[in-house]
Amino acid sequence: MANGQPEVLTINRAGSKANLKASLKGIDKVPGKDLDEYPPTMFKEGGNDASVRPINPSDNRGAGSTFGHKLRPYPNGTKIKYKITDD
């Protein structure tokens, strides 16, 4: 990824809450926005060094829902490659 974030991520659903807390530590909420983090909190690589940005709540929640549904069949420990395309 352009900013040095990993593109290969390891599913770790059990660590999601702790990663969310770590990734948002010291970051102020923005009224009317969701704070979106990369790597997402459901991955082992999420947490302390995550990139966090305020975005439209509908975009964040829709993308998060789609992402979660696509990865539902895969167990913790599965590695995925996160790739953004213009498809």
PDB file of N, CA and C in Angstrom:
ATOM      1  N   MET A   1       0.856  -1.169   0.000  1.00  0.00           N
ATOM      2  CA  MET A   1       0.000   0.000   0.000  1.00  0.00           C
ATOM      3  C   MET A   1       0.906   1.238   0.000  1.00  0.00           C
ATOM      4  N   ALA A   2       0.381   2.295  -0.544  1.00  0.00           N
ATOM      5  CA  ALA A   2       1.182   3.499  -0.739  1.00  0.00           C
ATOM      6  C   ALA A   2       1.748   4.078   0.552  1.00  0.00           C
ATOM      7  N   ASN A   3       1.020   3.998   1.654  1.00  0.00           N
ATOM      8  CA  ASN A   3       1.491   4.621   2.895  1.00  0.00           C
ATOM      9  C   ASN A   3       2.195   3.648   3.827  1.00  0.00           C
ATOM     10  N   GLY A   4       2.595   2.494   3.304  1.00  0.00           N
ATOM     11  CA  GLY A   4       3.333   1.528   4.110  1.00  0.00           C
ATOM     12  C   GLY A   4       2.483   0.552   4.887  1.00  0.00           C
ATOM     13  N   GLN A   5       1.172   0.632   4.768  1.00  0.00           N
ATOM     14  CA  GLN A   5       0.296  -0.318   5.450  1.00  0.00           C
ATOM     15  C   GLN A   5       0.359  -1.666   4.727  1.00  0.00           C
ATOM     16  N   PRO A   6       0.169  -2.754   5.452  1.00  0.00           N
ATOM     17  CA  PRO A   6       0.253  -4.081   4.834  1.00  0.00           C
ATOM     18  C   PRO A   6      -0.929  -4.356   3.910  1.00  0.00           C
ATOM     19  N   GLU A   7      -0.680  -5.120   2.836  1.00  0.00           N
ATOM     20  CA  GLU A   7      -1.794  -5.539   1.985  1.00  0.00           C
ATOM     21  C   GLU A   7      -2.148  -7.002   2.213  1.00  0.00           C
ATOM     22  N   VAL A   8      -1.271  -7.756   2.864  1.00  0.00           N
ATOM     23  CA  VAL A   8      -1.600  -9.119   3.268  1.00  0.00           C
ATOM     24  C   VAL A   8      -2.015  -9.056   4.735  1.00  0.00           C
ATOM     25  N   LEU A   9      -3.244  -9.493   5.009  1.00  0.00           N
ATOM     26  CA  LEU A   9      -3.835  -9.366   6.341  1.00  0.00           C
ATOM     27  C   LEU A   9      -4.275 -10.723   6.863  1.00  0.00           C
ATOM     28  N   THR A  10      -4.238 -10.888   8.192  1.00  0.00           N
ATOM     29  CA  THR A  10      -4.577 -12.146   8.856  1.00  0.00           C
ATOM     30  C   THR A  10      -5.855 -11.976   9.663  1.00  0.00           C
ATOM     31  N   ILE A  11      -6.883 -12.767   9.337  1.00  0.00           N
ATOM     32  CA  ILE A  11      -8.156 -12.671  10.055  1.00  0.00           C
ATOM     33  C   ILE A  11      -7.954 -13.035  11.526  1.00  0.00           C
ATOM     34  N   ASN A  12      -8.440 -12.143  12.402  1.00  0.00           N
ATOM     35  CA  ASN A  12      -8.357 -12.345  13.852  1.00  0.00           C
ATOM     36  C   ASN A  12      -9.563 -11.663  14.496  1.00  0.00           C
ATOM     37  N   ARG A  13     -10.723 -12.269  14.321  1.00  0.00           N
ATOM     38  CA  ARG A  13     -11.962 -11.659  14.823  1.00  0.00           C
ATOM     39  C   ARG A  13     -11.937 -11.433  16.333  1.00  0.00           C
ATOM     40  N   ALA A  14     -11.310 -12.324  17.061  1.00  0.00           N
ATOM     41  CA  ALA A  14     -11.266 -12.206  18.526  1.00  0.00           C
ATOM     42  C   ALA A  14     -10.542 -10.938  18.979  1.00  0.00           C
ATOM     43  N   GLY A  15      -9.641 -10.423  18.172  1.00  0.00           N
ATOM     44  CA  GLY A  15      -8.886  -9.229  18.539  1.00  0.00           C
ATOM     45  C   GLY A  15      -9.509  -7.934  18.060  1.00  0.00           C
ATOM     46  N   SER A  16     -10.683  -8.013  17.441  1.00  0.00           N
ATOM     47  CA  SER A  16     -11.301  -6.845  16.821  1.00  0.00           C
ATOM     48  C   SER A  16     -11.568  -5.701  17.800  1.00  0.00           C
ATOM     49  N   LYS A  17     -12.156  -5.995  18.950  1.00  0.00           N
ATOM     50  CA  LYS A  17     -12.479  -4.925  19.912  1.00  0.00           C
ATOM     51  C   LYS A  17     -11.224  -4.241  20.439  1.00  0.00           C
ATOM     52  N   ALA A  18     -10.206  -5.027  20.762  1.00  0.00           N
ATOM     53  CA  ALA A  18      -8.950  -4.451  21.257  1.00  0.00           C
ATOM     54  C   ALA A  18      -8.280  -3.620  20.165  1.00  0.00           C
ATOM     55  N   ASN A  19      -8.320  -4.104  18.922  1.00  0.00           N
ATOM     56  CA  ASN A  19      -7.734  -3.350  17.815  1.00  0.00           C
ATOM     57  C   ASN A  19      -8.472  -2.037  17.588  1.00  0.00           C
ATOM     58  N   LEU A  20      -9.803  -2.070  17.702  1.00  0.00           N
ATOM     59  CA  LEU A  20     -10.576  -0.846  17.520  1.00  0.00           C
ATOM     60  C   LEU A  20     -10.189   0.184  18.578  1.00  0.00           C
ATOM     61  N   LYS A  21     -10.118  -0.243  19.806  1.00  0.00           N
ATOM     62  CA  LYS A  21      -9.735   0.661  20.898  1.00  0.00           C
ATOM     63  C   LYS A  21      -8.344   1.244  20.650  1.00  0.00           C
ATOM     64  N   ALA A  22      -7.405   0.407  20.237  1.00  0.00           N
ATOM     65  CA  ALA A  22      -6.033   0.865  19.995  1.00  0.00           C
ATOM     66  C   ALA A  22      -5.963   1.811  18.796  1.00  0.00           C
ATOM     67  N   SER A  23      -6.694   1.496  17.734  1.00  0.00           N
ATOM     68  CA  SER A  23      -6.610   2.321  16.529  1.00  0.00           C
ATOM     69  C   SER A  23      -7.241   3.699  16.725  1.00  0.00           C
ATOM     70  N   LEU A  24      -8.244   3.798  17.599  1.00  0.00           N
ATOM     71  CA  LEU A  24      -8.927   5.081  17.802  1.00  0.00           C
ATOM     72  C   LEU A  24      -8.388   5.884  18.980  1.00  0.00           C
ATOM     73  N   LYS A  25      -7.416   5.338  19.697  1.00  0.00           N
ATOM     74  CA  LYS A  25      -6.853   6.027  20.859  1.00  0.00           C
ATOM     75  C   LYS A  25      -6.281   7.386  20.450  1.00  0.00           C
ATOM     76  N   GLY A  26      -6.771   8.424  21.110  1.00  0.00           N
ATOM     77  CA  GLY A  26      -6.261   9.772  20.871  1.00  0.00           C
ATOM     78  C   GLY A  26      -6.826  10.452  19.634  1.00  0.00           C
ATOM     79  N   ILE A  27      -7.775   9.828  18.957  1.00  0.00           N
ATOM     80  CA  ILE A  27      -8.350  10.416  17.749  1.00  0.00           C
ATOM     81  C   ILE A  27      -9.742  10.957  18.084  1.00  0.00           C
ATOM     82  N   ASP A  28      -9.957  12.214  17.775  1.00  0.00           N
ATOM     83  CA  ASP A  28     -11.242  12.847  18.059  1.00  0.00           C
ATOM     84  C   ASP A  28     -12.300  12.409  17.056  1.00  0.00           C
ATOM     85  N   LYS A  29     -13.523  12.222  17.551  1.00  0.00           N
ATOM     86  CA  LYS A  29     -14.655  11.934  16.675  1.00  0.00           C
ATOM     87  C   LYS A  29     -14.974  13.180  15.863  1.00  0.00           C
ATOM     88  N   VAL A  30     -15.523  12.966  14.669  1.00  0.00           N
ATOM     89  CA  VAL A  30     -15.933  14.059  13.800  1.00  0.00           C
ATOM     90  C   VAL A  30     -17.455  13.980  13.654  1.00  0.00           C
ATOM     91  N   PRO A  31     -18.175  15.033  14.042  1.00  0.00           N
ATOM     92  CA  PRO A  31     -19.637  14.987  13.957  1.00  0.00           C
ATOM     93  C   PRO A  31     -20.118  14.620  12.550  1.00  0.00           C
ATOM     94  N   GLY A  32     -21.051  13.669  12.481  1.00  0.00           N
ATOM     95  CA  GLY A  32     -21.626  13.254  11.209  1.00  0.00           C
ATOM     96  C   GLY A  32     -20.775  12.301  10.398  1.00  0.00           C
ATOM     97  N   LYS A  33     -19.647  11.870  10.942  1.00  0.00           N
ATOM     98  CA  LYS A  33     -18.741  10.968  10.218  1.00  0.00           C
ATOM     99  C   LYS A  33     -18.456   9.721  11.047  1.00  0.00           C
ATOM    100  N   ASP A  34     -18.107   8.650  10.367  1.00  0.00           N
ATOM    101  CA  ASP A  34     -17.555   7.454  11.012  1.00  0.00           C
ATOM    102  C   ASP A  34     -16.047   7.525  10.888  1.00  0.00           C
ATOM    103  N   LEU A  35     -15.349   6.966  11.849  1.00  0.00           N
ATOM    104  CA  LEU A  35     -13.899   6.857  11.743  1.00  0.00           C
ATOM    105  C   LEU A  35     -13.591   5.496  11.132  1.00  0.00           C
ATOM    106  N   ASP A  36     -12.972   5.518   9.973  1.00  0.00           N
ATOM    107  CA  ASP A  36     -12.655   4.300   9.231  1.00  0.00           C
ATOM    108  C   ASP A  36     -11.173   4.018   9.385  1.00  0.00           C
ATOM    109  N   GLU A  37     -10.847   2.770   9.683  1.00  0.00           N
ATOM    110  CA  GLU A  37      -9.454   2.420   9.932  1.00  0.00           C
ATOM    111  C   GLU A  37      -8.948   1.382   8.928  1.00  0.00           C
ATOM    112  N   TYR A  38      -7.671   1.501   8.597  1.00  0.00           N
ATOM    113  CA  TYR A  38      -6.987   0.495   7.796  1.00  0.00           C
ATOM    114  C   TYR A  38      -5.645   0.238   8.461  1.00  0.00           C
ATOM    115  N   PRO A  39      -5.307  -0.998   8.691  1.00  0.00           N
ATOM    116  CA  PRO A  39      -6.061  -2.206   8.432  1.00  0.00           C
ATOM    117  C   PRO A  39      -7.318  -2.279   9.298  1.00  0.00           C
ATOM    118  N   PRO A  40      -8.372  -2.890   8.748  1.00  0.00           N
ATOM    119  CA  PRO A  40      -9.595  -3.057   9.530  1.00  0.00           C
ATOM    120  C   PRO A  40      -9.326  -3.811  10.832  1.00  0.00           C
ATOM    121  N   THR A  41     -10.145  -3.549  11.827  1.00  0.00           N
ATOM    122  CA  THR A  41      -9.898  -4.108  13.160  1.00  0.00           C
ATOM    123  C   THR A  41     -10.012  -5.622  13.237  1.00  0.00           C
ATOM    124  N   MET A  42     -10.679  -6.264  12.273  1.00  0.00           N
ATOM    125  CA  MET A  42     -10.836  -7.724  12.333  1.00  0.00           C
ATOM    126  C   MET A  42      -9.565  -8.481  11.945  1.00  0.00           C
ATOM    127  N   PHE A  43      -8.514  -7.744  11.625  1.00  0.00           N
ATOM    128  CA  PHE A  43      -7.257  -8.371  11.228  1.00  0.00           C
ATOM    129  C   PHE A  43      -6.178  -8.172  12.287  1.00  0.00           C
ATOM    130  N   LYS A  44      -5.325  -9.151  12.409  1.00  0.00           N
ATOM    131  CA  LYS A  44      -4.226  -9.111  13.374  1.00  0.00           C
ATOM    132  C   LYS A  44      -3.389  -7.849  13.188  1.00  0.00           C
ATOM    133  N   GLU A  45      -3.245  -7.392  11.964  1.00  0.00           N
ATOM    134  CA  GLU A  45      -2.396  -6.240  11.658  1.00  0.00           C
ATOM    135  C   GLU A  45      -3.050  -4.904  12.015  1.00  0.00           C
ATOM    136  N   GLY A  46      -4.333  -4.918  12.385  1.00  0.00           N
ATOM    137  CA  GLY A  46      -5.022  -3.688  12.783  1.00  0.00           C
ATOM    138  C   GLY A  46      -4.584  -3.260  14.170  1.00  0.00           C
ATOM    139  N   GLY A  47      -5.004  -2.076  14.580  1.00  0.00           N
ATOM    140  CA  GLY A  47      -4.691  -1.626  15.937  1.00  0.00           C
ATOM    141  C   GLY A  47      -3.813  -0.403  15.974  1.00  0.00           C
ATOM    142  N   ASN A  48      -2.738  -0.464  16.744  1.00  0.00           N
ATOM    143  CA  ASN A  48      -1.909   0.706  17.056  1.00  0.00           C
ATOM    144  C   ASN A  48      -1.453   1.538  15.871  1.00  0.00           C
ATOM    145  N   ASP A  49      -1.050   0.923  14.789  1.00  0.00           N
ATOM    146  CA  ASP A  49      -0.487   1.680  13.670  1.00  0.00           C
ATOM    147  C   ASP A  49      -1.475   1.888  12.530  1.00  0.00           C
ATOM    148  N   ALA A  50      -2.757   1.728  12.801  1.00  0.00           N
ATOM    149  CA  ALA A  50      -3.772   1.876  11.757  1.00  0.00           C
ATOM    150  C   ALA A  50      -3.850   3.321  11.269  1.00  0.00           C
ATOM    151  N   SER A  51      -4.188   3.460  10.011  1.00  0.00           N
ATOM    152  CA  SER A  51      -4.502   4.756   9.435  1.00  0.00           C
ATOM    153  C   SER A  51      -5.996   4.981   9.658  1.00  0.00           C
ATOM    154  N   VAL A  52      -6.379   6.119  10.224  1.00  0.00           N
ATOM    155  CA  VAL A  52      -7.784   6.374  10.559  1.00  0.00           C
ATOM    156  C   VAL A  52      -8.215   7.692   9.923  1.00  0.00           C
ATOM    157  N   ARG A  53      -9.377   7.638   9.243  1.00  0.00           N
ATOM    158  CA  ARG A  53      -9.911   8.835   8.584  1.00  0.00           C
ATOM    159  C   ARG A  53     -11.415   8.929   8.794  1.00  0.00           C
ATOM    160  N   PRO A  54     -11.933  10.143   8.903  1.00  0.00           N
ATOM    161  CA  PRO A  54     -13.387  10.298   8.978  1.00  0.00           C
ATOM    162  C   PRO A  54     -13.991  10.154   7.577  1.00  0.00           C
ATOM    163  N   ILE A  55     -15.054   9.337   7.463  1.00  0.00           N
ATOM    164  CA  ILE A  55     -15.723   9.162   6.175  1.00  0.00           C
ATOM    165  C   ILE A  55     -17.235   9.138   6.374  1.00  0.00           C
ATOM    166  N   ASN A  56     -17.955   9.160   5.265  1.00  0.00           N
ATOM    167  CA  ASN A  56     -19.406   9.083   5.275  1.00  0.00           C
ATOM    168  C   ASN A  56     -19.840   7.790   5.954  1.00  0.00           C
ATOM    169  N   PRO A  57     -20.730   7.861   6.943  1.00  0.00           N
ATOM    170  CA  PRO A  57     -21.157   6.654   7.657  1.00  0.00           C
ATOM    171  C   PRO A  57     -21.766   5.578   6.754  1.00  0.00           C
ATOM    172  N   SER A  58     -22.549   5.979   5.755  1.00  0.00           N
ATOM    173  CA  SER A  58     -23.154   4.987   4.857  1.00  0.00           C
ATOM    174  C   SER A  58     -22.092   4.223   4.082  1.00  0.00           C
ATOM    175  N   ASP A  59     -21.080   4.931   3.610  1.00  0.00           N
ATOM    176  CA  ASP A  59     -19.996   4.271   2.880  1.00  0.00           C
ATOM    177  C   ASP A  59     -19.255   3.302   3.788  1.00  0.00           C
ATOM    178  N   ASN A  60     -18.949   3.752   4.998  1.00  0.00           N
ATOM    179  CA  ASN A  60     -18.194   2.921   5.936  1.00  0.00           C
ATOM    180  C   ASN A  60     -18.965   1.662   6.315  1.00  0.00           C
ATOM    181  N   ARG A  61     -20.212   1.826   6.656  1.00  0.00           N
ATOM    182  CA  ARG A  61     -21.006   0.678   7.122  1.00  0.00           C
ATOM    183  C   ARG A  61     -21.350  -0.272   5.981  1.00  0.00           C
ATOM    184  N   GLY A  62     -21.617   0.273   4.801  1.00  0.00           N
ATOM    185  CA  GLY A  62     -21.898  -0.579   3.644  1.00  0.00           C
ATOM    186  C   GLY A  62     -20.689  -1.400   3.246  1.00  0.00           C
ATOM    187  N   ALA A  63     -19.537  -0.750   3.185  1.00  0.00           N
ATOM    188  CA  ALA A  63     -18.308  -1.459   2.825  1.00  0.00           C
ATOM    189  C   ALA A  63     -17.946  -2.481   3.892  1.00  0.00           C
ATOM    190  N   GLY A  64     -18.099  -2.110   5.151  1.00  0.00           N
ATOM    191  CA  GLY A  64     -17.790  -3.041   6.241  1.00  0.00           C
ATOM    192  C   GLY A  64     -18.679  -4.264   6.217  1.00  0.00           C
ATOM    193  N   SER A  65     -19.952  -4.063   5.916  1.00  0.00           N
ATOM    194  CA  SER A  65     -20.892  -5.180   5.840  1.00  0.00           C
ATOM    195  C   SER A  65     -20.529  -6.123   4.695  1.00  0.00           C
ATOM    196  N   THR A  66     -20.244  -5.558   3.540  1.00  0.00           N
ATOM    197  CA  THR A  66     -19.859  -6.373   2.383  1.00  0.00           C
ATOM    198  C   THR A  66     -18.584  -7.146   2.673  1.00  0.00           C
ATOM    199  N   PHE A  67     -17.619  -6.475   3.247  1.00  0.00           N
ATOM    200  CA  PHE A  67     -16.334  -7.086   3.589  1.00  0.00           C
ATOM    201  C   PHE A  67     -16.548  -8.256   4.548  1.00  0.00           C
ATOM    202  N   GLY A  68     -17.345  -8.026   5.583  1.00  0.00           N
ATOM    203  CA  GLY A  68     -17.622  -9.071   6.567  1.00  0.00           C
ATOM    204  C   GLY A  68     -18.308 -10.279   5.961  1.00  0.00           C
ATOM    205  N   HIS A  69     -19.280 -10.041   5.076  1.00  0.00           N
ATOM    206  CA  HIS A  69     -19.995 -11.149   4.428  1.00  0.00           C
ATOM    207  C   HIS A  69     -19.068 -11.959   3.529  1.00  0.00           C
ATOM    208  N   LYS A  70     -18.210 -11.283   2.790  1.00  0.00           N
ATOM    209  CA  LYS A  70     -17.281 -11.986   1.894  1.00  0.00           C
ATOM    210  C   LYS A  70     -16.306 -12.867   2.674  1.00  0.00           C
ATOM    211  N   LEU A  71     -15.928 -12.423   3.873  1.00  0.00           N
ATOM    212  CA  LEU A  71     -14.921 -13.156   4.651  1.00  0.00           C
ATOM    213  C   LEU A  71     -15.519 -14.128   5.657  1.00  0.00           C
ATOM    214  N   ARG A  72     -16.834 -14.145   5.787  1.00  0.00           N
ATOM    215  CA  ARG A  72     -17.493 -15.007   6.768  1.00  0.00           C
ATOM    216  C   ARG A  72     -17.057 -16.477   6.674  1.00  0.00           C
ATOM    217  N   PRO A  73     -16.889 -17.056   5.486  1.00  0.00           N
ATOM    218  CA  PRO A  73     -16.534 -18.482   5.419  1.00  0.00           C
ATOM    219  C   PRO A  73     -15.109 -18.807   5.884  1.00  0.00           C
ATOM    220  N   TYR A  74     -14.280 -17.789   6.033  1.00  0.00           N
ATOM    221  CA  TYR A  74     -12.868 -18.037   6.319  1.00  0.00           C
ATOM    222  C   TYR A  74     -12.583 -17.973   7.818  1.00  0.00           C
ATOM    223  N   PRO A  75     -11.841 -18.947   8.340  1.00  0.00           N
ATOM    224  CA  PRO A  75     -11.565 -18.980   9.778  1.00  0.00           C
ATOM    225  C   PRO A  75     -10.465 -17.999  10.184  1.00  0.00           C
ATOM    226  N   ASN A  76     -10.396 -17.738  11.484  1.00  0.00           N
ATOM    227  CA  ASN A  76      -9.283 -16.961  12.027  1.00  0.00           C
ATOM    228  C   ASN A  76      -7.979 -17.604  11.592  1.00  0.00           C
ATOM    229  N   GLY A  77      -6.995 -16.772  11.314  1.00  0.00           N
ATOM    230  CA  GLY A  77      -5.697 -17.262  10.865  1.00  0.00           C
ATOM    231  C   GLY A  77      -5.554 -17.254   9.356  1.00  0.00           C
ATOM    232  N   THR A  78      -6.677 -17.125   8.634  1.00  0.00           N
ATOM    233  CA  THR A  78      -6.627 -17.063   7.175  1.00  0.00           C
ATOM    234  C   THR A  78      -5.987 -15.750   6.757  1.00  0.00           C
ATOM    235  N   LYS A  79      -5.089 -15.820   5.788  1.00  0.00           N
ATOM    236  CA  LYS A  79      -4.460 -14.616   5.245  1.00  0.00           C
ATOM    237  C   LYS A  79      -5.178 -14.237   3.953  1.00  0.00           C
ATOM    238  N   ILE A  80      -5.419 -12.945   3.795  1.00  0.00           N
ATOM    239  CA  ILE A  80      -6.029 -12.439   2.573  1.00  0.00           C
ATOM    240  C   ILE A  80      -5.149 -11.319   2.026  1.00  0.00           C
ATOM    241  N   LYS A  81      -5.244 -11.081   0.728  1.00  0.00           N
ATOM    242  CA  LYS A  81      -4.545  -9.950   0.122  1.00  0.00           C
ATOM    243  C   LYS A  81      -5.589  -8.888  -0.193  1.00  0.00           C
ATOM    244  N   TYR A  82      -5.434  -7.727   0.388  1.00  0.00           N
ATOM    245  CA  TYR A  82      -6.360  -6.611   0.227  1.00  0.00           C
ATOM    246  C   TYR A  82      -5.913  -5.815  -0.983  1.00  0.00           C
ATOM    247  N   LYS A  83      -6.742  -5.796  -2.012  1.00  0.00           N
ATOM    248  CA  LYS A  83      -6.377  -5.109  -3.248  1.00  0.00           C
ATOM    249  C   LYS A  83      -7.531  -4.220  -3.690  1.00  0.00           C
ATOM    250  N   ILE A  84      -7.235  -2.977  -3.977  1.00  0.00           N
ATOM    251  CA  ILE A  84      -8.239  -2.026  -4.430  1.00  0.00           C
ATOM    252  C   ILE A  84      -8.134  -1.923  -5.947  1.00  0.00           C
ATOM    253  N   THR A  85      -9.279  -2.074  -6.622  1.00  0.00           N
ATOM    254  CA  THR A  85      -9.301  -1.986  -8.082  1.00  0.00           C
ATOM    255  C   THR A  85     -10.383  -1.009  -8.526  1.00  0.00           C
ATOM    256  N   ASP A  86     -10.374  -0.684  -9.796  1.00  0.00           N
ATOM    257  CA  ASP A  86     -11.378   0.217 -10.372  1.00  0.00           C
ATOM    258  C   ASP A  86     -12.471  -0.548 -11.102  1.00  0.00           C
ATOM    259  N   ASP A  87     -12.673  -1.807 -10.763  1.00  0.00           N
ATOM    260  CA  ASP A  87     -13.691  -2.626 -11.453  1.00  0.00           C
ATOM    261  C   ASP A  87     -15.070  -2.074 -11.281  1.00  0.00           C
TER     262      ASP A  87
END
